[in-house]
C-alpha atoms as a PDB file:
ATOM      1  CA  UNK A   1     -16.690  -6.662 -69.199  1.00  0.00           C
ATOM      2  CA  UNK A   2     -16.627  -6.983 -65.383  1.00  0.00           C
ATOM      3  CA  UNK A   3     -15.010  -9.845 -63.495  1.00  0.00           C
ATOM      4  CA  UNK A   4     -17.444 -12.457 -62.199  1.00  0.00           C
ATOM      5  CA  UNK A   5     -17.254 -13.261 -58.475  1.00  0.00           C
ATOM      6  CA  UNK A   6     -18.038 -16.812 -57.332  1.00  0.00           C
ATOM      7  CA  UNK A   7     -21.217 -17.076 -55.250  1.00  0.00           C
ATOM      8  CA  UNK A   8     -19.494 -18.664 -52.247  1.00  0.00           C
ATOM      9  CA  UNK A   9     -16.852 -15.881 -52.173  1.00  0.00           C
ATOM     10  CA  UNK A  10     -19.543 -13.231 -52.345  1.00  0.00           C
ATOM     11  CA  UNK A  11     -21.421 -14.818 -49.439  1.00  0.00           C
ATOM     12  CA  UNK A  12     -18.214 -15.019 -47.406  1.00  0.00           C
ATOM     13  CA  UNK A  13     -17.409 -11.342 -48.008  1.00  0.00           C
ATOM     14  CA  UNK A  14     -20.954 -10.282 -47.141  1.00  0.00           C
ATOM     15  CA  UNK A  15     -20.832 -12.288 -43.888  1.00  0.00           C
ATOM     16  CA  UNK A  16     -17.463 -10.799 -42.898  1.00  0.00           C
ATOM     17  CA  UNK A  17     -18.670  -7.277 -43.658  1.00  0.00           C
ATOM     18  CA  UNK A  18     -21.777  -7.821 -41.547  1.00  0.00           C
ATOM     19  CA  UNK A  19     -19.662  -9.095 -38.612  1.00  0.00           C
ATOM     20  CA  UNK A  20     -17.260  -6.158 -38.902  1.00  0.00           C
ATOM     21  CA  UNK A  21     -20.093  -3.637 -39.067  1.00  0.00           C
ATOM     22  CA  UNK A  22     -21.811  -5.199 -36.053  1.00  0.00           C
ATOM     23  CA  UNK A  23     -18.550  -5.053 -34.091  1.00  0.00           C
ATOM     24  CA  UNK A  24     -17.996  -1.432 -35.138  1.00  0.00           C
ATOM     25  CA  UNK A  25     -21.574  -0.634 -34.115  1.00  0.00           C
ATOM     26  CA  UNK A  26     -20.982  -2.156 -30.679  1.00  0.00           C
ATOM     27  CA  UNK A  27     -17.822  -0.089 -30.219  1.00  0.00           C
ATOM     28  CA  UNK A  28     -19.637   3.102 -31.289  1.00  0.00           C
ATOM     29  CA  UNK A  29     -22.461   2.350 -28.882  1.00  0.00           C
ATOM     30  CA  UNK A  30     -20.017   1.989 -25.985  1.00  0.00           C
ATOM     31  CA  UNK A  31     -19.795   5.191 -23.986  1.00  0.00           C
ATOM     32  CA  UNK A  32     -16.356   5.830 -22.558  1.00  0.00           C
ATOM     33  CA  UNK A  33     -16.809   6.669 -18.887  1.00  0.00           C
ATOM     34  CA  UNK A  34     -15.077   9.825 -17.706  1.00  0.00           C
ATOM     35  CA  UNK A  35     -16.435  10.081 -14.155  1.00  0.00           C
ATOM     36  CA  UNK A  36     -16.732   7.310 -11.544  1.00  0.00           C
ATOM     37  CA  UNK A  37     -19.000   7.253  -8.514  1.00  0.00           C
ATOM     38  CA  UNK A  38     -17.471   5.880  -5.306  1.00  0.00           C
ATOM     39  CA  UNK A  39     -20.229   4.734  -2.946  1.00  0.00           C
ATOM     40  CA  UNK A  40     -18.093   4.573   0.185  1.00  0.00           C
ATOM     41  CA  UNK A  41     -20.163   3.324   3.146  1.00  0.00           C
ATOM     42  CA  UNK A  42     -23.884   3.599   2.285  1.00  0.00           C
ATOM     43  CA  UNK A  43     -24.905   1.901   5.535  1.00  0.00           C
ATOM     44  CA  UNK A  44     -23.270   4.716   7.544  1.00  0.00           C
ATOM     45  CA  UNK A  45     -24.970   7.650   5.817  1.00  0.00           C
ATOM     46  CA  UNK A  46     -27.198   8.233   8.855  1.00  0.00           C
ATOM     47  CA  UNK A  47     -24.070   8.581  11.024  1.00  0.00           C
ATOM     48  CA  UNK A  48     -21.930  10.567   8.628  1.00  0.00           C
ATOM     49  CA  UNK A  49     -20.986  13.279  11.146  1.00  0.00           C
ATOM     50  CA  UNK A  50     -19.711  10.690  13.628  1.00  0.00           C
ATOM     51  CA  UNK A  51     -17.983   8.678  10.881  1.00  0.00           C
ATOM     52  CA  UNK A  52     -16.384  11.812   9.404  1.00  0.00           C
ATOM     53  CA  UNK A  53     -15.157  12.926  12.831  1.00  0.00           C
ATOM     54  CA  UNK A  54     -13.661   9.490  13.547  1.00  0.00           C
ATOM     55  CA  UNK A  55     -11.721   9.272  10.282  1.00  0.00           C
ATOM     56  CA  UNK A  56     -10.655  12.911  10.496  1.00  0.00           C
ATOM     57  CA  UNK A  57      -9.169  12.309  13.970  1.00  0.00           C
ATOM     58  CA  UNK A  58      -7.448   9.140  12.735  1.00  0.00           C
ATOM     59  CA  UNK A  59      -5.989  11.008   9.771  1.00  0.00           C
ATOM     60  CA  UNK A  60      -4.814  13.915  11.926  1.00  0.00           C
ATOM     61  CA  UNK A  61      -3.213  11.538  14.459  1.00  0.00           C
ATOM     62  CA  UNK A  62      -1.575   9.525  11.666  1.00  0.00           C
ATOM     63  CA  UNK A  63       0.022  12.592  10.084  1.00  0.00           C
ATOM     64  CA  UNK A  64       1.142  14.014  13.436  1.00  0.00           C
ATOM     65  CA  UNK A  65       2.492  10.679  14.687  1.00  0.00           C
ATOM     66  CA  UNK A  66       4.530   9.936  11.577  1.00  0.00           C
ATOM     67  CA  UNK A  67       5.837  13.510  11.243  1.00  0.00           C
ATOM     68  CA  UNK A  68       6.845  13.420  14.911  1.00  0.00           C
ATOM     69  CA  UNK A  69       8.715  10.151  14.282  1.00  0.00           C
ATOM     70  CA  UNK A  70      10.639  11.733  11.400  1.00  0.00           C
ATOM     71  CA  UNK A  71      11.454  14.853  13.454  1.00  0.00           C
ATOM     72  CA  UNK A  72      12.632  12.894  16.496  1.00  0.00           C
ATOM     73  CA  UNK A  73      14.904  10.622  14.462  1.00  0.00           C
ATOM     74  CA  UNK A  74      16.391  13.550  12.553  1.00  0.00           C
ATOM     75  CA  UNK A  75      17.002  15.696  15.665  1.00  0.00           C
ATOM     76  CA  UNK A  76      18.137  13.066  18.190  1.00  0.00           C
ATOM     77  CA  UNK A  77      21.647  11.617  17.886  1.00  0.00           C
ATOM     78  CA  UNK A  78      20.577   8.608  19.965  1.00  0.00           C
ATOM     79  CA  UNK A  79      18.200   7.615  17.155  1.00  0.00           C
ATOM     80  CA  UNK A  80      20.760   7.867  14.353  1.00  0.00           C
ATOM     81  CA  UNK A  81      20.868   4.126  13.688  1.00  0.00           C
ATOM     82  CA  UNK A  82      19.841   1.987  10.690  1.00  0.00           C
ATOM     83  CA  UNK A  83      16.667   0.753  12.373  1.00  0.00           C
ATOM     84  CA  UNK A  84      15.360   4.277  12.987  1.00  0.00           C
ATOM     85  CA  UNK A  85      16.476   5.444   9.540  1.00  0.00           C
ATOM     86  CA  UNK A  86      14.289   2.780   7.938  1.00  0.00           C
ATOM     87  CA  UNK A  87      11.524   3.721  10.376  1.00  0.00           C
ATOM     88  CA  UNK A  88      11.537   7.274   8.980  1.00  0.00           C
ATOM     89  CA  UNK A  89      11.218   5.816   5.475  1.00  0.00           C
ATOM     90  CA  UNK A  90       8.264   3.748   6.684  1.00  0.00           C
ATOM     91  CA  UNK A  91       6.703   6.882   8.211  1.00  0.00           C
ATOM     92  CA  UNK A  92       7.076   8.736   4.912  1.00  0.00           C
ATOM     93  CA  UNK A  93       5.415   5.819   3.156  1.00  0.00           C
ATOM     94  CA  UNK A  94       2.533   5.840   5.653  1.00  0.00           C
ATOM     95  CA  UNK A  95       2.014   9.594   5.186  1.00  0.00           C
ATOM     96  CA  UNK A  96       1.831   9.190   1.409  1.00  0.00           C
ATOM     97  CA  UNK A  97      -0.492   6.179   1.661  1.00  0.00           C
ATOM     98  CA  UNK A  98      -2.999   7.714   4.053  1.00  0.00           C
ATOM     99  CA  UNK A  99      -2.958  11.087   2.230  1.00  0.00           C
ATOM    100  CA  UNK A 100      -3.760   9.286  -1.001  1.00  0.00           C
ATOM    101  CA  UNK A 101      -6.826   7.582   0.539  1.00  0.00           C
ATOM    102  CA  UNK A 102      -8.285   9.435   3.546  1.00  0.00           C
ATOM    103  CA  UNK A 103      -8.968  13.017   2.255  1.00  0.00           C
ATOM    104  CA  UNK A 104     -11.037  11.585  -0.592  1.00  0.00           C
ATOM    105  CA  UNK A 105     -12.700   9.215   1.886  1.00  0.00           C
ATOM    106  CA  UNK A 106     -13.710  12.163   4.087  1.00  0.00           C
ATOM    107  CA  UNK A 107     -15.300  13.875   1.082  1.00  0.00           C
ATOM    108  CA  UNK A 108     -17.193  10.680   0.214  1.00  0.00           C
ATOM    109  CA  UNK A 109     -18.539  10.397   3.771  1.00  0.00           C
ATOM    110  CA  UNK A 110     -19.756  14.017   3.853  1.00  0.00           C
ATOM    111  CA  UNK A 111     -21.390  13.882   0.419  1.00  0.00           C
ATOM    112  CA  UNK A 112     -22.759  10.338   0.853  1.00  0.00           C
ATOM    113  CA  UNK A 113     -20.743   9.264  -2.153  1.00  0.00           C
ATOM    114  CA  UNK A 114     -18.110  10.867  -4.301  1.00  0.00           C
ATOM    115  CA  UNK A 115     -17.184  11.591  -7.892  1.00  0.00           C
ATOM    116  CA  UNK A 116     -13.714  10.943  -9.268  1.00  0.00           C
ATOM    117  CA  UNK A 117     -12.462  11.133 -12.835  1.00  0.00           C
ATOM    118  CA  UNK A 118     -11.342   7.943 -14.555  1.00  0.00           C
ATOM    119  CA  UNK A 119      -7.801   9.268 -14.756  1.00  0.00           C
ATOM    120  CA  UNK A 120      -7.941  10.249 -11.087  1.00  0.00           C
ATOM    121  CA  UNK A 121      -9.231   6.788 -10.155  1.00  0.00           C
ATOM    122  CA  UNK A 122      -6.421   5.046 -12.045  1.00  0.00           C
ATOM    123  CA  UNK A 123      -3.861   7.453 -10.554  1.00  0.00           C
ATOM    124  CA  UNK A 124      -5.128   6.760  -7.034  1.00  0.00           C
ATOM    125  CA  UNK A 125      -4.763   3.012  -7.557  1.00  0.00           C
ATOM    126  CA  UNK A 126      -1.272   3.349  -9.056  1.00  0.00           C
ATOM    127  CA  UNK A 127      -0.097   5.559  -6.197  1.00  0.00           C
ATOM    128  CA  UNK A 128      -1.659   3.184  -3.674  1.00  0.00           C
ATOM    129  CA  UNK A 129       0.057   0.223  -5.344  1.00  0.00           C
ATOM    130  CA  UNK A 130       3.487   1.868  -5.314  1.00  0.00           C
ATOM    131  CA  UNK A 131       3.264   2.865  -1.628  1.00  0.00           C
ATOM    132  CA  UNK A 132       2.131  -0.637  -0.638  1.00  0.00           C
ATOM    133  CA  UNK A 133       5.099  -2.116  -2.510  1.00  0.00           C
ATOM    134  CA  UNK A 134       7.409   0.368  -0.765  1.00  0.00           C
ATOM    135  CA  UNK A 135       6.067  -0.741   2.604  1.00  0.00           C
ATOM    136  CA  UNK A 136       6.592  -4.423   1.750  1.00  0.00           C
ATOM    137  CA  UNK A 137      10.194  -3.779   0.742  1.00  0.00           C
ATOM    138  CA  UNK A 138      10.922  -1.526   3.732  1.00  0.00           C
ATOM    139  CA  UNK A 139       9.568  -4.121   6.163  1.00  0.00           C
ATOM    140  CA  UNK A 140      11.833  -6.688   4.496  1.00  0.00           C
ATOM    141  CA  UNK A 141      14.885  -4.446   4.792  1.00  0.00           C
ATOM    142  CA  UNK A 142      14.034  -3.807   8.453  1.00  0.00           C
ATOM    143  CA  UNK A 143      13.849  -7.560   9.097  1.00  0.00           C
ATOM    144  CA  UNK A 144      17.297  -7.936   7.517  1.00  0.00           C
ATOM    145  CA  UNK A 145      18.558  -5.161   9.798  1.00  0.00           C
ATOM    146  CA  UNK A 146      17.198  -6.982  12.864  1.00  0.00           C
ATOM    147  CA  UNK A 147      18.714 -10.250  11.631  1.00  0.00           C
ATOM    148  CA  UNK A 148      22.177  -8.670  11.395  1.00  0.00           C
ATOM    149  CA  UNK A 149      21.816  -6.899  14.753  1.00  0.00           C
ATOM    150  CA  UNK A 150      20.957 -10.116  16.619  1.00  0.00           C
ATOM    151  CA  UNK A 151      22.534 -12.940  14.599  1.00  0.00           C
ATOM    152  CA  UNK A 152      25.659 -11.146  13.324  1.00  0.00           C
ATOM    153  CA  UNK A 153      26.176  -8.381  15.853  1.00  0.00           C
ATOM    154  CA  UNK A 154      29.993  -8.290  15.517  1.00  0.00           C
ATOM    155  CA  UNK A 155      29.811  -7.232  11.876  1.00  0.00           C
ATOM    156  CA  UNK A 156      26.604  -5.200  12.162  1.00  0.00           C
ATOM    157  CA  UNK A 157      28.135  -1.717  12.139  1.00  0.00           C
ATOM    158  CA  UNK A 158      30.462  -2.658   9.284  1.00  0.00           C
ATOM    159  CA  UNK A 159      27.714  -4.013   7.045  1.00  0.00           C
ATOM    160  CA  UNK A 160      24.957  -1.510   7.882  1.00  0.00           C
ATOM    161  CA  UNK A 161      26.898   1.628   7.105  1.00  0.00           C
ATOM    162  CA  UNK A 162      25.124   4.936   6.458  1.00  0.00           C
ATOM    163  CA  UNK A 163      25.779   4.696   2.721  1.00  0.00           C
ATOM    164  CA  UNK A 164      24.497   1.113   2.524  1.00  0.00           C
ATOM    165  CA  UNK A 165      21.313   2.060   4.421  1.00  0.00           C
ATOM    166  CA  UNK A 166      20.801   5.026   2.102  1.00  0.00           C
ATOM    167  CA  UNK A 167      21.189   2.776  -0.959  1.00  0.00           C
ATOM    168  CA  UNK A 168      18.695   0.260   0.448  1.00  0.00           C
ATOM    169  CA  UNK A 169      16.158   3.018   1.092  1.00  0.00           C
ATOM    170  CA  UNK A 170      16.555   4.453  -2.421  1.00  0.00           C
ATOM    171  CA  UNK A 171      16.283   0.967  -3.898  1.00  0.00           C
ATOM    172  CA  UNK A 172      12.938   0.370  -2.167  1.00  0.00           C
ATOM    173  CA  UNK A 173      11.460   3.587  -3.578  1.00  0.00           C
ATOM    174  CA  UNK A 174      12.854   3.095  -7.099  1.00  0.00           C
ATOM    175  CA  UNK A 175      11.555  -0.478  -7.344  1.00  0.00           C
ATOM    176  CA  UNK A 176       8.106   0.495  -6.067  1.00  0.00           C
ATOM    177  CA  UNK A 177       7.742   3.326  -8.571  1.00  0.00           C
ATOM    178  CA  UNK A 178       8.907   1.067 -11.394  1.00  0.00           C
ATOM    179  CA  UNK A 179       5.923  -1.100 -10.461  1.00  0.00           C
ATOM    180  CA  UNK A 180       3.743   1.972 -10.979  1.00  0.00           C
ATOM    181  CA  UNK A 181       5.088   2.265 -14.530  1.00  0.00           C
ATOM    182  CA  UNK A 182       4.310  -1.376 -15.382  1.00  0.00           C
ATOM    183  CA  UNK A 183       0.810  -1.120 -13.964  1.00  0.00           C
ATOM    184  CA  UNK A 184       0.197   2.138 -15.833  1.00  0.00           C
ATOM    185  CA  UNK A 185       1.180   0.532 -19.150  1.00  0.00           C
ATOM    186  CA  UNK A 186      -1.175  -2.409 -18.550  1.00  0.00           C
ATOM    187  CA  UNK A 187      -4.132  -0.181 -17.586  1.00  0.00           C
ATOM    188  CA  UNK A 188      -3.555   2.281 -20.441  1.00  0.00           C
ATOM    189  CA  UNK A 189      -4.486  -0.431 -22.958  1.00  0.00           C
ATOM    190  CA  UNK A 190      -7.956  -0.994 -21.461  1.00  0.00           C
ATOM    191  CA  UNK A 191     -11.266   0.407 -22.723  1.00  0.00           C
ATOM    192  CA  UNK A 192     -13.515   1.591 -19.873  1.00  0.00           C
ATOM    193  CA  UNK A 193     -17.181   1.795 -20.804  1.00  0.00           C
ATOM    194  CA  UNK A 194     -19.052   1.113 -17.602  1.00  0.00           C
ATOM    195  CA  UNK A 195     -20.748   0.701 -15.285  1.00  0.00           C
ATOM    196  CA  UNK A 196     -19.439   3.863 -13.672  1.00  0.00           C
ATOM    197  CA  UNK A 197     -20.152   2.946 -10.029  1.00  0.00           C
ATOM    198  CA  UNK A 198     -17.635   1.395  -7.607  1.00  0.00           C
ATOM    199  CA  UNK A 199     -18.918   0.047  -4.297  1.00  0.00           C
ATOM    200  CA  UNK A 200     -15.755   0.967  -2.401  1.00  0.00           C
ATOM    201  CA  UNK A 201     -14.135   3.963  -0.742  1.00  0.00           C
ATOM    202  CA  UNK A 202     -11.099   4.024  -3.055  1.00  0.00           C
ATOM    203  CA  UNK A 203     -10.071   2.732  -6.478  1.00  0.00           C
ATOM    204  CA  UNK A 204      -8.641  -0.746  -5.974  1.00  0.00           C
ATOM    205  CA  UNK A 205      -7.666  -3.031  -8.851  1.00  0.00           C
ATOM    206  CA  UNK A 206     -10.606  -5.486  -8.698  1.00  0.00           C
ATOM    207  CA  UNK A 207     -13.486  -2.946  -8.825  1.00  0.00           C
ATOM    208  CA  UNK A 208     -11.532  -0.871 -11.346  1.00  0.00           C
ATOM    209  CA  UNK A 209     -11.180  -3.770 -13.787  1.00  0.00           C
ATOM    210  CA  UNK A 210     -14.905  -4.469 -13.495  1.00  0.00           C
ATOM    211  CA  UNK A 211     -15.495  -1.165 -15.310  1.00  0.00           C
ATOM    212  CA  UNK A 212     -13.530  -2.290 -18.352  1.00  0.00           C
ATOM    213  CA  UNK A 213     -15.116  -3.653 -21.526  1.00  0.00           C
ATOM    214  CA  UNK A 214     -11.740  -4.880 -22.804  1.00  0.00           C
ATOM    215  CA  UNK A 215      -9.996  -8.161 -22.158  1.00  0.00           C
ATOM    216  CA  UNK A 216      -8.495  -7.665 -18.689  1.00  0.00           C
ATOM    217  CA  UNK A 217      -6.339 -10.793 -18.737  1.00  0.00           C
ATOM    218  CA  UNK A 218      -3.026  -8.902 -19.062  1.00  0.00           C
ATOM    219  CA  UNK A 219      -4.088  -6.219 -16.562  1.00  0.00           C
ATOM    220  CA  UNK A 220      -4.921  -8.960 -14.036  1.00  0.00           C
ATOM    221  CA  UNK A 221      -1.779 -10.947 -14.839  1.00  0.00           C
ATOM    222  CA  UNK A 222       0.664  -8.059 -14.320  1.00  0.00           C
ATOM    223  CA  UNK A 223      -0.093  -7.435 -10.595  1.00  0.00           C
ATOM    224  CA  UNK A 224      -0.166 -11.189  -9.952  1.00  0.00           C
ATOM    225  CA  UNK A 225       3.280 -11.621 -11.493  1.00  0.00           C
ATOM    226  CA  UNK A 226       4.679  -8.552  -9.749  1.00  0.00           C
ATOM    227  CA  UNK A 227       3.381  -9.798  -6.391  1.00  0.00           C
ATOM    228  CA  UNK A 228       5.888 -12.679  -6.524  1.00  0.00           C
ATOM    229  CA  UNK A 229       9.082 -10.570  -6.285  1.00  0.00           C
ATOM    230  CA  UNK A 230       7.460  -7.694  -4.382  1.00  0.00           C
ATOM    231  CA  UNK A 231       5.179  -9.379  -1.845  1.00  0.00           C
ATOM    232  CA  UNK A 232       5.675 -13.140  -1.655  1.00  0.00           C
ATOM    233  CA  UNK A 233       9.491 -13.301  -1.794  1.00  0.00           C
ATOM    234  CA  UNK A 234       9.910 -10.399   0.705  1.00  0.00           C
ATOM    235  CA  UNK A 235       7.484 -12.145   3.058  1.00  0.00           C
ATOM    236  CA  UNK A 236       9.508 -15.368   2.792  1.00  0.00           C
ATOM    237  CA  UNK A 237      12.691 -13.409   3.525  1.00  0.00           C
ATOM    238  CA  UNK A 238      11.034 -11.948   6.631  1.00  0.00           C
ATOM    239  CA  UNK A 239       9.972 -15.414   7.819  1.00  0.00           C
ATOM    240  CA  UNK A 240      13.475 -16.862   7.264  1.00  0.00           C
ATOM    241  CA  UNK A 241      15.035 -13.892   9.065  1.00  0.00           C
ATOM    242  CA  UNK A 242      12.837 -14.422  12.109  1.00  0.00           C
ATOM    243  CA  UNK A 243      13.515 -18.150  12.148  1.00  0.00           C
ATOM    244  CA  UNK A 244      17.207 -17.338  12.556  1.00  0.00           C
ATOM    245  CA  UNK A 245      16.442 -14.524  15.021  1.00  0.00           C
ATOM    246  CA  UNK A 246      14.294 -16.732  17.261  1.00  0.00           C
ATOM    247  CA  UNK A 247      16.806 -19.587  17.187  1.00  0.00           C
ATOM    248  CA  UNK A 248      19.594 -17.161  18.148  1.00  0.00           C
ATOM    249  CA  UNK A 249      17.546 -15.617  20.972  1.00  0.00           C
ATOM    250  CA  UNK A 250      16.728 -19.051  22.420  1.00  0.00           C
ATOM    251  CA  UNK A 251      20.448 -19.819  22.659  1.00  0.00           C
ATOM    252  CA  UNK A 252      21.056 -16.772  24.878  1.00  0.00           C
ATOM    253  CA  UNK A 253      21.636 -18.165  28.397  1.00  0.00           C
ATOM    254  CA  UNK A 254      20.176 -15.343  30.521  1.00  0.00           C
ATOM    255  CA  UNK A 255      16.468 -14.484  30.588  1.00  0.00           C
ATOM    256  CA  UNK A 256      17.295 -10.769  30.697  1.00  0.00           C
ATOM    257  CA  UNK A 257      19.411 -11.104  27.569  1.00  0.00           C
ATOM    258  CA  UNK A 258      16.622 -12.914  25.725  1.00  0.00           C
ATOM    259  CA  UNK A 259      14.079 -10.275  26.699  1.00  0.00           C
ATOM    260  CA  UNK A 260      16.397  -7.441  25.627  1.00  0.00           C
ATOM    261  CA  UNK A 261      17.135  -9.092  22.268  1.00  0.00           C
ATOM    262  CA  UNK A 262      13.495  -9.850  21.560  1.00  0.00           C
ATOM    263  CA  UNK A 263      12.378  -6.321  22.511  1.00  0.00           C
ATOM    264  CA  UNK A 264      14.505  -4.894  19.691  1.00  0.00           C
ATOM    265  CA  UNK A 265      12.459  -6.707  17.041  1.00  0.00           C
ATOM    266  CA  UNK A 266       9.030  -7.168  18.675  1.00  0.00           C
ATOM    267  CA  UNK A 267       7.653  -3.875  17.304  1.00  0.00           C
ATOM    268  CA  UNK A 268       8.664  -4.760  13.760  1.00  0.00           C
ATOM    269  CA  UNK A 269       7.173  -8.242  14.120  1.00  0.00           C
ATOM    270  CA  UNK A 270       3.804  -6.838  15.238  1.00  0.00           C
ATOM    271  CA  UNK A 271       3.695  -4.441  12.271  1.00  0.00           C
ATOM    272  CA  UNK A 272       4.578  -7.246   9.844  1.00  0.00           C
ATOM    273  CA  UNK A 273       1.769  -9.433  11.229  1.00  0.00           C
ATOM    274  CA  UNK A 274      -0.788  -6.610  10.939  1.00  0.00           C
ATOM    275  CA  UNK A 275       0.273  -5.529   7.462  1.00  0.00           C
ATOM    276  CA  UNK A 276       0.637  -8.934   5.833  1.00  0.00           C
ATOM    277  CA  UNK A 277      -2.357 -10.344   7.701  1.00  0.00           C
ATOM    278  CA  UNK A 278      -4.708  -7.762   6.213  1.00  0.00           C
ATOM    279  CA  UNK A 279      -3.006  -7.830   2.803  1.00  0.00           C
ATOM    280  CA  UNK A 280      -3.229 -11.615   2.560  1.00  0.00           C
ATOM    281  CA  UNK A 281      -6.853 -11.671   3.679  1.00  0.00           C
ATOM    282  CA  UNK A 282      -8.031  -9.115   1.137  1.00  0.00           C
ATOM    283  CA  UNK A 283      -6.172 -10.444  -1.900  1.00  0.00           C
ATOM    284  CA  UNK A 284      -5.815 -14.189  -1.334  1.00  0.00           C
ATOM    285  CA  UNK A 285      -9.371 -15.101  -0.346  1.00  0.00           C
ATOM    286  CA  UNK A 286     -11.754 -15.923  -3.219  1.00  0.00           C
ATOM    287  CA  UNK A 287     -13.998 -13.034  -4.257  1.00  0.00           C
ATOM    288  CA  UNK A 288     -17.147 -15.059  -3.597  1.00  0.00           C
ATOM    289  CA  UNK A 289     -16.052 -15.712  -0.017  1.00  0.00           C
ATOM    290  CA  UNK A 290     -15.900 -12.000   0.791  1.00  0.00           C
ATOM    291  CA  UNK A 291     -18.764  -9.569   1.106  1.00  0.00           C
ATOM    292  CA  UNK A 292     -18.337  -5.930   0.088  1.00  0.00           C
ATOM    293  CA  UNK A 293     -18.544  -4.895   3.744  1.00  0.00           C
ATOM    294  CA  UNK A 294     -15.859  -7.365   4.824  1.00  0.00           C
ATOM    295  CA  UNK A 295     -13.553  -6.257   1.988  1.00  0.00           C
ATOM    296  CA  UNK A 296     -13.959  -2.610   2.992  1.00  0.00           C
ATOM    297  CA  UNK A 297     -13.135  -3.369   6.621  1.00  0.00           C
ATOM    298  CA  UNK A 298      -9.949  -5.213   5.629  1.00  0.00           C
ATOM    299  CA  UNK A 299      -9.028  -2.386   3.257  1.00  0.00           C
ATOM    300  CA  UNK A 300      -9.504   0.133   6.076  1.00  0.00           C
ATOM    301  CA  UNK A 301      -7.165  -1.931   8.225  1.00  0.00           C
ATOM    302  CA  UNK A 302      -4.120  -1.565   5.976  1.00  0.00           C
ATOM    303  CA  UNK A 303      -4.889   1.822   4.383  1.00  0.00           C
ATOM    304  CA  UNK A 304      -6.111   3.785   7.422  1.00  0.00           C
ATOM    305  CA  UNK A 305      -5.448   1.923  10.677  1.00  0.00           C
ATOM    306  CA  UNK A 306      -1.959   0.513  10.037  1.00  0.00           C
ATOM    307  CA  UNK A 307      -0.377   3.919   9.200  1.00  0.00           C
ATOM    308  CA  UNK A 308      -1.785   5.163  12.530  1.00  0.00           C
ATOM    309  CA  UNK A 309      -0.563   2.189  14.560  1.00  0.00           C
ATOM    310  CA  UNK A 310       2.990   2.011  13.172  1.00  0.00           C
ATOM    311  CA  UNK A 311       4.437   5.047  15.020  1.00  0.00           C
ATOM    312  CA  UNK A 312       2.499   4.124  18.169  1.00  0.00           C
ATOM    313  CA  UNK A 313       3.918   0.592  18.225  1.00  0.00           C
ATOM    314  CA  UNK A 314       7.492   1.766  17.681  1.00  0.00           C
ATOM    315  CA  UNK A 315       7.286   4.505  20.309  1.00  0.00           C
ATOM    316  CA  UNK A 316       5.425   2.405  22.915  1.00  0.00           C
ATOM    317  CA  UNK A 317       7.823   1.200  25.648  1.00  0.00           C
ATOM    318  CA  UNK A 318      10.779   2.537  23.657  1.00  0.00           C
ATOM    319  CA  UNK A 319      13.079   4.370  26.048  1.00  0.00           C
ATOM    320  CA  UNK A 320      15.111   5.955  23.249  1.00  0.00           C
ATOM    321  CA  UNK A 321      11.973   7.489  21.792  1.00  0.00           C
ATOM    322  CA  UNK A 322      10.766   8.702  25.185  1.00  0.00           C
ATOM    323  CA  UNK A 323      14.133  10.320  25.911  1.00  0.00           C
ATOM    324  CA  UNK A 324      14.271  11.933  22.469  1.00  0.00           C
ATOM    325  CA  UNK A 325      10.694  13.184  22.814  1.00  0.00           C
ATOM    326  CA  UNK A 326      11.313  14.755  26.246  1.00  0.00           C
ATOM    327  CA  UNK A 327      14.482  16.417  24.955  1.00  0.00           C
ATOM    328  CA  UNK A 328      12.686  17.713  21.852  1.00  0.00           C
ATOM    329  CA  UNK A 329       9.860  19.181  23.988  1.00  0.00           C
ATOM    330  CA  UNK A 330      12.358  20.919  26.305  1.00  0.00           C
ATOM    331  CA  UNK A 331      14.286  22.403  23.388  1.00  0.00           C
ATOM    332  CA  UNK A 332      11.064  23.577  21.724  1.00  0.00           C
ATOM    333  CA  UNK A 333       9.723  25.156  24.918  1.00  0.00           C
ATOM    334  CA  UNK A 334      13.033  26.935  25.607  1.00  0.00           C
ATOM    335  CA  UNK A 335      13.191  28.343  22.067  1.00  0.00           C
ATOM    336  CA  UNK A 336       9.611  29.634  22.403  1.00  0.00           C
ATOM    337  CA  UNK A 337      10.330  31.413  25.690  1.00  0.00           C
ATOM    338  CA  UNK A 338      13.224  33.230  24.060  1.00  0.00           C
END
């Protein structure tokens, strides 16, 4: 004789089974996206040759400028100082950043849109995130270097030894790539089912999360939490460093001495303002307050324009760079004639 099941228990089980089956049906109906369409700049499709040429020239100048910076610092003994060592690290970071973004951007411009795999899209964002973190940390280390050079000049050479500079540089890269690991873990738990179109020229975190059908709370929380030790605190350190730097410069009695002291950190200050200005504008403003076009322009500023400007700013009116460049050209021309 079979066991009798109470009516209310039977109804409860039936209801739960229906809910589970409906949920399973929804999951089965979800199509996992494998390819993503990047729209790029639809309004510039009629001028794609001009747009392609412009970004190609920018990319070529960026690579040449940053490689030239690395070569000059490595070949010239006059540039073997902590400031120029960190500048070479910044140039390497700019080369990696622009190479991650611009070649794909050029393809998108030519084809009036581009296809990228989901894995490739996530990888592009992770690599972009790690290089941006590296730049934040390197700019912070460079501000500390300028602080020691101006505010604690007697102990500067003792503190900023070659080994200490090397350790600081390695630390910046290790921390930034550990961020990549945390972001990768958070994104690996998401289910991406569409839509498969991103109205941008690269895979940033906000448009990428819009493709997910999962709960993106953790994936959104991770970069926000990591921004505190990697963006906000470094920016505060930079501000505090320059407060001390400015106060020290103002106490210098001679005008020539003030100008000379300020000229050693003016290039770094300009780069910090450009980098953090664009970064703050794109990620701190509410989404509703920004149009897609405005967001793309700001993104171009710190992914394409800033890597181009950095070597120009540091070499402009820098006598050490001019001397090293002239010497490098003479040595190169002599070796070719032989």
